[in-house]
Amino acid sequence: MAEIVLFHHAQGLTEGVRAFAGELIANGHTVHVPDLFDGRTFDTVEAGVAHAESIGFDTVLARGVAAAERLPRRIVYAGFSLGVIPAQCLAQTREGGTGALFFDGCLPVSEFGPWPEGVPVQIHAGADDEWFGEDLASARELADSVPDAALFLYDGTEHLFADSSLASYDPDATGQLMGRVAAFLAVL
């Protein structure tokens, strides 16, 4: 079974993020879910992004990196949207990562240097996700340039469709996503 660190999205450590982690735990994985916003949650993505801007995206990244320092190096880095920032940084810069899972976000690989050899990655996003639109080119580039990379787009879904506590939640797409994540984690 895998050990995973899962970083939350801009709306904070919601019940839906906790439920997602709980499903991974129920499947036998160890999951760490650091709170990068000190307990704050937000009703909208826009409000959460405004909070992240007010504290600084560098602060969000630094909090994620600090949270990972106490964790084993052999770990899967996962993140939802804003949480992809620390997940991708750590996957690319911290030795020993066993995989990466990006939900609703992907930065250019050049942001953190080359993609490390032997670190598989899955990127999952809604095909109708306006927030992911600016990340799509980066996600395609990563999927096309890394042998163990896969990009999955889910028709009819919005941003954060796998967070069961939000109105954008899509249980069918989330079920498909969880199946793909389970298969990914089973071979690590």
Protein backbone atom coordinates (compact mmCIF):
# COMPACT_ATOMS: atom_id res chain seq x y z
CA MET A 1 0.00 0.00 0.00
CA ALA A 2 1.09 3.56 -0.69
CA GLU A 3 1.83 6.44 1.61
CA ILE A 4 0.34 9.69 0.28
CA VAL A 5 0.41 13.37 1.19
CA LEU A 6 -2.71 15.10 -0.16
CA PHE A 7 -2.80 18.90 -0.36
CA HIS A 8 -6.17 20.66 -0.35
CA HIS A 9 -7.53 23.17 -2.86
CA ALA A 10 -8.20 26.91 -2.49
CA GLN A 11 -11.43 26.39 -0.56
CA GLY A 12 -9.37 24.81 2.21
CA LEU A 13 -9.39 21.47 3.95
CA THR A 14 -13.07 20.77 3.28
CA GLU A 15 -15.09 17.77 4.38
CA GLY A 16 -14.94 16.61 0.75
CA VAL A 17 -11.13 16.58 0.75
CA ARG A 18 -11.24 14.68 4.05
CA ALA A 19 -13.74 12.21 2.55
CA PHE A 20 -11.49 11.70 -0.49
CA ALA A 21 -8.57 10.95 1.84
CA GLY A 22 -10.85 8.67 3.86
CA GLU A 23 -11.65 6.62 0.78
CA LEU A 24 -7.96 6.16 0.08
CA ILE A 25 -7.42 5.13 3.71
CA ALA A 26 -10.32 2.66 3.46
CA ASN A 27 -8.46 1.10 0.52
CA GLY A 28 -5.44 0.47 2.76
CA HIS A 29 -3.28 3.52 2.05
CA THR A 30 -1.73 5.87 4.57
CA VAL A 31 -2.80 9.45 3.84
CA HIS A 32 -1.53 12.69 5.36
CA VAL A 33 -3.71 15.78 4.77
CA PRO A 34 -1.94 18.93 5.97
CA ASP A 35 -3.98 22.07 6.47
CA LEU A 36 -2.23 24.90 4.62
CA PHE A 37 -4.85 27.47 5.67
CA ASP A 38 -4.79 26.98 9.47
CA GLY A 39 -8.39 25.74 9.62
CA ARG A 40 -9.92 28.32 7.30
CA THR A 41 -12.30 27.22 4.55
CA PHE A 42 -14.06 29.30 1.92
CA ASP A 43 -17.44 29.10 0.21
CA THR A 44 -16.05 29.79 -3.26
CA VAL A 45 -12.87 29.15 -5.20
CA GLU A 46 -12.55 32.89 -5.76
CA ALA A 47 -12.60 33.61 -2.01
CA GLY A 48 -10.03 30.88 -1.40
CA VAL A 49 -7.76 32.17 -4.16
CA ALA A 50 -8.08 35.69 -2.70
CA HIS A 51 -6.96 34.29 0.66
CA ALA A 52 -4.03 32.48 -0.97
CA GLU A 53 -3.06 35.72 -2.71
CA SER A 54 -3.27 37.63 0.59
CA ILE A 55 -0.91 35.23 2.38
CA GLY A 56 1.15 34.66 -0.78
CA PHE A 57 1.42 31.64 -3.04
CA ASP A 58 5.03 31.31 -1.85
CA THR A 59 3.67 30.91 1.70
CA VAL A 60 1.25 28.20 0.54
CA LEU A 61 4.14 26.41 -1.17
CA ALA A 62 6.43 26.80 1.86
CA ARG A 63 3.75 25.41 4.18
CA GLY A 64 3.33 22.38 1.93
CA VAL A 65 7.07 21.75 1.72
CA ALA A 66 7.37 22.11 5.51
CA ALA A 67 4.52 19.64 6.05
CA ALA A 68 6.31 17.08 3.88
CA GLU A 69 9.63 17.43 5.72
CA ARG A 70 8.43 15.23 8.59
CA LEU A 71 7.11 12.56 6.19
CA PRO A 72 8.99 9.67 4.57
CA ARG A 73 10.68 10.35 1.25
CA ARG A 74 9.02 7.33 -0.37
CA ILE A 75 5.64 8.95 -0.76
CA VAL A 76 3.06 9.90 -3.39
CA TYR A 77 2.52 13.64 -3.74
CA ALA A 78 -1.09 14.56 -4.48
CA GLY A 79 -2.95 17.82 -4.67
CA PHE A 80 -6.23 19.41 -5.66
CA SER A 81 -5.91 22.60 -7.75
CA LEU A 82 -3.97 25.04 -5.50
CA GLY A 83 -2.61 21.98 -3.68
CA VAL A 84 -0.91 20.91 -6.91
CA ILE A 85 1.64 23.70 -6.31
CA PRO A 86 3.33 21.97 -3.33
CA ALA A 87 2.58 18.49 -4.68
CA GLN A 88 4.27 19.17 -8.01
CA CYS A 89 7.17 21.04 -6.43
CA LEU A 90 7.87 18.16 -4.06
CA ALA A 91 7.43 15.50 -6.74
CA GLN A 92 10.00 17.28 -8.88
CA THR A 93 12.50 18.39 -6.25
CA ARG A 94 12.39 16.02 -3.27
CA GLU A 95 14.24 12.77 -3.91
CA GLY A 96 12.48 9.47 -3.31
CA GLY A 97 8.95 10.28 -4.45
CA THR A 98 7.09 7.23 -5.68
CA GLY A 99 4.41 9.01 -7.72
CA ALA A 100 2.26 12.09 -8.20
CA LEU A 101 -1.48 12.69 -8.52
CA PHE A 102 -2.69 16.08 -9.73
CA PHE A 103 -6.40 16.89 -9.56
CA ASP A 104 -7.70 20.03 -11.30
CA GLY A 105 -4.29 21.57 -11.81
CA CYS A 106 -0.86 21.25 -13.42
CA LEU A 107 2.00 23.71 -13.64
CA PRO A 108 4.62 23.86 -16.39
CA VAL A 109 7.31 21.30 -15.62
CA SER A 110 9.90 24.04 -16.09
CA GLU A 111 8.54 25.74 -12.94
CA PHE A 112 10.52 23.31 -10.76
CA GLY A 113 13.14 21.86 -13.11
CA PRO A 114 13.05 18.58 -15.04
CA TRP A 115 10.58 15.82 -14.22
CA PRO A 116 12.41 13.14 -12.20
CA GLU A 117 13.02 9.85 -13.94
CA GLY A 118 10.93 6.95 -12.65
CA VAL A 119 8.22 9.06 -10.97
CA PRO A 120 4.85 8.25 -12.56
CA VAL A 121 2.10 10.86 -12.61
CA GLN A 122 -1.61 11.05 -13.28
CA ILE A 123 -3.41 14.32 -14.02
CA HIS A 124 -7.21 14.41 -13.64
CA ALA A 125 -9.43 17.35 -14.57
CA GLY A 126 -12.88 18.26 -15.79
CA ALA A 127 -13.20 18.83 -19.52
CA ASP A 128 -15.47 21.80 -18.78
CA ASP A 129 -13.28 23.23 -16.01
CA GLU A 130 -12.57 26.88 -16.78
CA TRP A 131 -10.00 27.06 -13.98
CA PHE A 132 -8.05 24.15 -15.49
CA GLY A 133 -8.14 25.71 -18.97
CA GLU A 134 -4.94 27.64 -18.31
CA ASP A 135 -3.24 24.45 -17.05
CA LEU A 136 -4.30 22.19 -19.92
CA ALA A 137 -1.27 22.93 -22.12
CA SER A 138 1.08 22.17 -19.21
CA ALA A 139 -0.81 18.95 -18.43
CA ARG A 140 -0.62 17.83 -22.07
CA GLU A 141 3.08 18.64 -22.24
CA LEU A 142 3.76 16.63 -19.08
CA ALA A 143 1.66 13.71 -20.29
CA ASP A 144 3.39 13.73 -23.68
CA SER A 145 6.95 14.07 -22.35
CA VAL A 146 7.02 11.64 -19.41
CA PRO A 147 6.73 7.91 -20.19
CA ASP A 148 4.74 7.12 -17.03
CA ALA A 149 2.37 10.08 -17.25
CA ALA A 150 -1.35 10.07 -18.06
CA LEU A 151 -3.88 12.85 -18.50
CA PHE A 152 -7.56 12.11 -17.89
CA LEU A 153 -10.28 14.62 -18.79
CA TYR A 154 -13.81 13.99 -17.56
CA ASP A 155 -16.68 15.17 -19.76
CA GLY A 156 -19.31 17.41 -18.25
CA THR A 157 -17.38 18.11 -15.09
CA GLU A 158 -16.32 21.33 -13.42
CA HIS A 159 -13.52 22.40 -11.13
CA LEU A 160 -13.14 20.28 -7.99
CA PHE A 161 -15.64 17.66 -9.15
CA ALA A 162 -14.14 15.07 -6.78
CA ASP A 163 -14.87 17.09 -3.62
CA SER A 164 -18.12 15.63 -2.28
CA SER A 165 -18.80 18.68 -0.11
CA LEU A 166 -19.10 21.08 -3.05
CA ALA A 167 -21.90 21.76 -5.54
CA SER A 168 -19.52 20.82 -8.40
CA TYR A 169 -19.28 17.22 -7.12
CA ASP A 170 -19.85 14.56 -9.76
CA PRO A 171 -20.15 11.09 -8.18
CA ASP A 172 -19.92 9.19 -11.48
CA ALA A 173 -16.77 10.98 -12.63
CA THR A 174 -15.30 10.68 -9.14
CA GLY A 175 -15.93 6.93 -9.19
CA GLN A 176 -14.07 6.68 -12.49
CA LEU A 177 -11.26 8.84 -11.13
CA MET A 178 -10.97 6.72 -7.98
CA GLY A 179 -10.75 3.55 -10.09
CA ARG A 180 -7.86 5.03 -12.07
CA VAL A 181 -6.14 6.24 -8.89
CA ALA A 182 -6.54 2.78 -7.31
CA ALA A 183 -4.93 1.13 -10.34
CA PHE A 184 -2.10 3.69 -10.27
CA LEU A 185 -1.41 3.18 -6.56
CA ALA A 186 -1.57 -0.62 -6.85
CA VAL A 187 1.54 -0.78 -9.01
CA LEU A 188 3.77 1.58 -7.02
